[in-house]
Amino acid sequence: MIEFIKGRLIAKYATHAIIETNGLGYFINISLTTYSDIPDAEEVKLLIYYSVNVDVRSGSSNHILFGFVKEEERNLFKLLIGISGVSANTARMMLSSLNPSELGNAIGSENVAVIKSVKGIGPKLAQRIVTELKDKISGLEISSTNSLAQSNTISEEALSALLALGFDKSKVNKVVNNIVKNQGEITVEALIKLALQQM
């Protein structure tokens, strides 16, 4: 399996990064937390989770790479996808809405309401996440991440990220435009987090 990919950062977006190594360009899905953690450097290293989904009907398989700057986020991602009802994309959505520290604190303190606030997480699934992970989460060393990313096309990046997560384009446009109008200067990370809360 692939443990990490180290190479030249070709592009970084709110939902994915492209890294070139040995003449190959890797499309790597990332969370908003990882997006803000990726350094603006020519060479970067992302820890990898390699996901293979097989369509039962057709037998075709889908190979997806998920990347993380910090081991703590990858470990939390692995714990999340081990829960029935939490797909890799749902786990990525959770780690985009809440950083590892916020999510870890919510699970540890059994704060179901915070977990339920993530788009696509209902009360039953939120309770299952707390029940199954509250004992496991204490073994992870989770620190908060506060880095911010600046961009001249903040609205466009936020729109692209939200559309990639499966939201309706007209609703996304309306929500993002309202936030930008009311907030003024804002980072991509903050804009997407606010939009996720309002979707």
Protein backbone atom coordinates (compact mmCIF):
# COMPACT_ATOMS: atom_id res chain seq x y z
CA MET A 1 0.00 0.00 0.00
CA ILE A 2 0.99 3.65 -0.33
CA GLU A 3 2.16 5.19 2.96
CA PHE A 4 2.91 8.68 1.68
CA ILE A 5 3.54 10.68 -1.49
CA LYS A 6 6.32 13.25 -1.55
CA GLY A 7 6.86 15.50 -4.52
CA ARG A 8 6.25 18.82 -6.21
CA LEU A 9 2.98 20.54 -5.38
CA ILE A 10 1.35 21.29 -8.74
CA ALA A 11 -1.97 22.60 -7.41
CA LYS A 12 -3.84 22.91 -4.13
CA TYR A 13 -7.60 23.30 -3.89
CA ALA A 14 -10.03 23.10 -0.99
CA THR A 15 -11.00 19.53 -1.90
CA HIS A 16 -7.88 18.09 -3.53
CA ALA A 17 -4.19 18.51 -4.26
CA ILE A 18 -2.09 17.41 -7.21
CA ILE A 19 1.45 16.24 -6.49
CA GLU A 20 3.98 15.28 -9.14
CA THR A 21 6.59 12.68 -8.29
CA ASN A 22 8.81 10.76 -10.72
CA GLY A 23 6.85 12.07 -13.69
CA LEU A 24 3.46 10.98 -12.33
CA GLY A 25 0.76 13.40 -11.17
CA TYR A 26 -1.33 12.15 -8.25
CA PHE A 27 -4.85 13.49 -7.64
CA ILE A 28 -5.27 13.36 -3.86
CA ASN A 29 -8.54 14.10 -2.07
CA ILE A 30 -8.08 16.25 1.03
CA SER A 31 -10.17 17.77 3.81
CA LEU A 32 -10.37 21.47 4.53
CA THR A 33 -8.12 20.86 7.55
CA THR A 34 -5.39 19.38 5.35
CA TYR A 35 -5.87 22.16 2.80
CA SER A 36 -4.98 24.76 5.42
CA ASP A 37 -2.09 22.61 6.73
CA ILE A 38 -0.36 22.11 3.37
CA PRO A 39 2.63 24.45 3.28
CA ASP A 40 3.08 26.82 0.35
CA ALA A 41 6.31 25.11 -0.64
CA GLU A 42 7.55 23.57 -3.86
CA GLU A 43 7.95 20.11 -2.33
CA VAL A 44 5.34 18.63 -0.02
CA LYS A 45 4.62 15.30 1.63
CA LEU A 46 1.14 13.91 2.22
CA LEU A 47 0.33 10.81 4.26
CA ILE A 48 -1.99 8.61 2.22
CA TYR A 49 -5.07 6.49 2.80
CA TYR A 50 -5.71 4.35 -0.28
CA SER A 51 -9.40 3.54 -0.75
CA VAL A 52 -10.81 0.95 -3.17
CA ASN A 53 -14.58 0.83 -3.68
CA VAL A 54 -16.06 -2.06 -5.67
CA ASP A 55 -19.45 -1.74 -7.35
CA VAL A 56 -21.28 -4.98 -6.48
CA ARG A 57 -23.45 -4.89 -9.62
CA SER A 58 -20.83 -4.15 -12.27
CA GLY A 59 -17.73 -5.43 -10.47
CA SER A 60 -15.85 -2.26 -11.41
CA SER A 61 -13.55 -0.73 -8.82
CA ASN A 62 -12.84 2.90 -7.95
CA HIS A 63 -9.39 3.72 -6.55
CA ILE A 64 -9.17 6.94 -4.52
CA LEU A 65 -6.30 8.56 -2.63
CA PHE A 66 -6.96 10.60 0.51
CA GLY A 67 -4.10 12.76 1.79
CA PHE A 68 -3.23 14.23 5.18
CA VAL A 69 -0.44 16.48 6.44
CA LYS A 70 -0.71 15.18 10.01
CA GLU A 71 -0.84 11.60 11.27
CA GLU A 72 -3.49 12.54 13.86
CA GLU A 73 -5.96 13.46 11.12
CA ARG A 74 -5.29 10.26 9.16
CA ASN A 75 -5.77 8.18 12.31
CA LEU A 76 -9.08 9.91 13.03
CA PHE A 77 -10.15 9.41 9.40
CA LYS A 78 -9.42 5.66 9.70
CA LEU A 79 -11.44 5.42 12.91
CA LEU A 80 -14.38 7.25 11.32
CA ILE A 81 -14.56 5.06 8.20
CA GLY A 82 -14.48 1.97 10.42
CA ILE A 83 -17.98 2.90 11.63
CA SER A 84 -20.98 1.51 9.75
CA GLY A 85 -22.63 4.34 7.83
CA VAL A 86 -19.52 6.54 7.60
CA SER A 87 -18.05 6.52 4.09
CA ALA A 88 -14.67 7.99 3.19
CA ASN A 89 -16.41 11.07 1.76
CA THR A 90 -18.51 11.46 4.91
CA ALA A 91 -15.35 11.28 7.02
CA ARG A 92 -13.73 13.92 4.79
CA MET A 93 -16.82 16.11 5.20
CA MET A 94 -16.58 15.76 8.98
CA LEU A 95 -12.88 16.72 8.96
CA SER A 96 -13.71 19.70 6.73
CA SER A 97 -16.45 20.93 9.06
CA LEU A 98 -14.50 20.27 12.28
CA ASN A 99 -10.74 20.11 12.72
CA PRO A 100 -9.35 16.99 14.50
CA SER A 101 -9.22 18.82 17.83
CA GLU A 102 -12.86 19.96 17.62
CA LEU A 103 -14.06 16.54 16.47
CA GLY A 104 -11.97 14.72 19.08
CA ASN A 105 -13.31 16.98 21.84
CA ALA A 106 -16.90 16.47 20.66
CA ILE A 107 -16.49 12.69 20.68
CA GLY A 108 -14.63 12.63 24.00
CA SER A 109 -17.23 14.82 25.71
CA GLU A 110 -20.09 12.90 24.04
CA ASN A 111 -21.36 16.11 22.42
CA VAL A 112 -23.71 14.55 19.87
CA ALA A 113 -25.10 17.97 18.86
CA VAL A 114 -21.73 19.14 17.49
CA ILE A 115 -21.29 15.97 15.43
CA LYS A 116 -24.90 16.14 14.23
CA SER A 117 -24.24 19.68 12.95
CA VAL A 118 -22.11 18.21 10.12
CA LYS A 119 -24.03 17.95 6.84
CA GLY A 120 -25.26 14.39 6.27
CA ILE A 121 -24.85 13.22 9.88
CA GLY A 122 -28.18 12.36 11.49
CA PRO A 123 -28.82 11.85 15.22
CA LYS A 124 -28.49 8.05 15.09
CA LEU A 125 -25.19 8.13 13.21
CA ALA A 126 -23.86 10.92 15.46
CA GLN A 127 -24.68 8.79 18.53
CA ARG A 128 -23.04 5.73 16.95
CA ILE A 129 -19.86 7.72 16.25
CA VAL A 130 -19.70 8.85 19.88
CA THR A 131 -20.46 5.38 21.27
CA GLU A 132 -17.90 3.57 19.11
CA LEU A 133 -15.10 6.13 19.29
CA LYS A 134 -15.24 7.68 22.78
CA ASP A 135 -12.86 5.05 24.21
CA LYS A 136 -10.61 4.93 21.14
CA ILE A 137 -10.22 8.70 20.81
CA SER A 138 -8.28 9.03 24.07
CA GLY A 139 -5.40 7.08 22.51
CA LEU A 140 -4.94 9.70 19.79
CA GLU A 141 -2.85 12.79 20.44
CA ILE A 142 -4.93 15.50 18.82
CA SER A 143 -3.91 19.15 18.70
CA SER A 144 -5.78 22.05 17.17
CA THR A 145 -4.88 23.44 13.76
CA ASN A 146 -5.07 27.15 13.24
CA SER A 147 -3.26 27.81 9.98
CA LEU A 148 -5.06 30.00 7.44
CA ALA A 149 -4.87 30.00 3.66
CA GLN A 150 -5.12 33.15 1.57
CA SER A 151 -6.38 33.29 -2.00
CA ASN A 152 -7.47 35.91 -4.53
CA THR A 153 -10.28 33.64 -5.71
CA ILE A 154 -11.72 32.73 -2.32
CA SER A 155 -15.36 32.60 -3.46
CA GLU A 156 -14.51 30.47 -6.50
CA GLU A 157 -12.47 28.00 -4.43
CA ALA A 158 -15.24 27.75 -1.85
CA LEU A 159 -17.87 27.22 -4.57
CA SER A 160 -15.72 24.56 -6.23
CA ALA A 161 -15.16 22.75 -2.93
CA LEU A 162 -18.84 22.74 -1.98
CA LEU A 163 -19.91 21.56 -5.44
CA ALA A 164 -17.31 18.76 -5.23
CA LEU A 165 -18.87 17.72 -1.92
CA GLY A 166 -22.19 17.27 -3.73
CA PHE A 167 -24.18 20.40 -2.89
CA ASP A 168 -26.67 22.07 -5.27
CA LYS A 169 -25.02 24.82 -7.35
CA SER A 170 -27.79 27.44 -7.01
CA LYS A 171 -28.00 26.98 -3.24
CA VAL A 172 -24.20 27.07 -2.89
CA ASN A 173 -24.00 30.33 -4.90
CA LYS A 174 -26.63 31.99 -2.75
CA VAL A 175 -25.09 30.90 0.57
CA VAL A 176 -21.51 31.81 -0.40
CA ASN A 177 -22.52 35.20 -1.80
CA ASN A 178 -24.47 36.06 1.36
CA ILE A 179 -21.54 35.12 3.61
CA VAL A 180 -19.03 37.12 1.56
CA LYS A 181 -21.37 40.12 1.55
CA ASN A 182 -21.87 40.00 5.33
CA GLN A 183 -18.36 38.96 6.40
CA GLY A 184 -16.20 40.98 4.02
CA GLU A 185 -12.62 39.69 4.15
CA ILE A 186 -12.60 35.97 4.90
CA THR A 187 -10.39 32.92 4.30
CA VAL A 188 -11.44 29.99 2.10
CA GLU A 189 -11.44 27.71 5.15
CA ALA A 190 -13.72 30.01 7.16
CA LEU A 191 -16.01 30.61 4.19
CA ILE A 192 -16.51 26.88 3.56
CA LYS A 193 -17.06 26.15 7.24
CA LEU A 194 -19.73 28.87 7.49
CA ALA A 195 -21.35 27.65 4.27
CA LEU A 196 -21.44 24.05 5.53
CA GLN A 197 -23.27 25.23 8.63
CA GLN A 198 -25.91 26.96 6.50
CA MET A 199 -26.46 24.26 3.85
